[in-house]
């Protein structure tokens, strides 16, 4: 990392910042598109297009892929599908900002799921992050439509519950990537995940969703193309390039801004309004994400360097 030029490092951080913006805006676009398209139909189009684009770009890697890579990618794709399906369905019942922050709890959940599967105990930072996250979720719950989630409609409660469930499912997806992705090409795994998720989305939409009344116009199709190309395929490429030339701590902080953009856009568009309790909840969950992802290394590293300079 020390051999990377300042220009390359700066461009890498810009790439990750763009990823955070794309991911942050995605749920607002999903909610808008879901007014016309059924959730799993939307996911079917999104993942199929993204999978095909990446398959074309990385066709050489795909042709050289081993059987175990294809199998691992397919298994991980099942977890990706259920996570996105839960999140996409949930955002149709709640606001994009709330859904984004609640589903972002996966960052905090991962170490505890990893503890169950790999017997690796969470450290003090993971525990601290979990405490911040739980308190943050409590404040968001108390900032429901009618002043408290207990006075909110069942649809709002259902949407928030699905957002939290998607957080658990996204955490499960990450744990599966960790377990099955060792020694395998990340692009092959990703392409297989997208294609399998696309197939499962098509099966689900035709099996349980009523698509007969859909009137597909230009706006929702442009929104789906934005989700497929920009928020999925392009975001993945920029993330891989950005993280290659950025230290993990900085990358985690930049990508963690996804949640902030996830609230900023719907607030700017008037889709969502902020209360003191919701802001406190959002800030606490954001702190939890930063603690969990960076273990505050950016603070302790700075203190360590200052101590060395004082010797």
Foldseek 3Di string as FASTA:
>chain_A
DVPDDPVLLVVLLVLLLLLLLLLLCLLVLLLVLCVFDPQLVLLLLQLVLLLVVLCVVPVVCQVVFDPLLLVLLLVLLVLVLLLSSLLSVLCNLAPQLLLLLLLLCLLLCLQVVCCVVPVDHDDPLSVLLVVLLVLLNCLQQCCDPVRHVVPDDPSHVSSNVSSNVSSVSVSVSVSSCVVSVPPGDPSSSLSSSSNSSSVVSVVVCVPPNDNPPRDDDDSSVVSSVSCRPPNRNSSVVSLVSSPVSYPQLSSQLSSLCSSVSNPVVCVVVVNDDDDPSNVSSSVSNSVSSSCSRRVPCVPVVVVVVVVVVVD
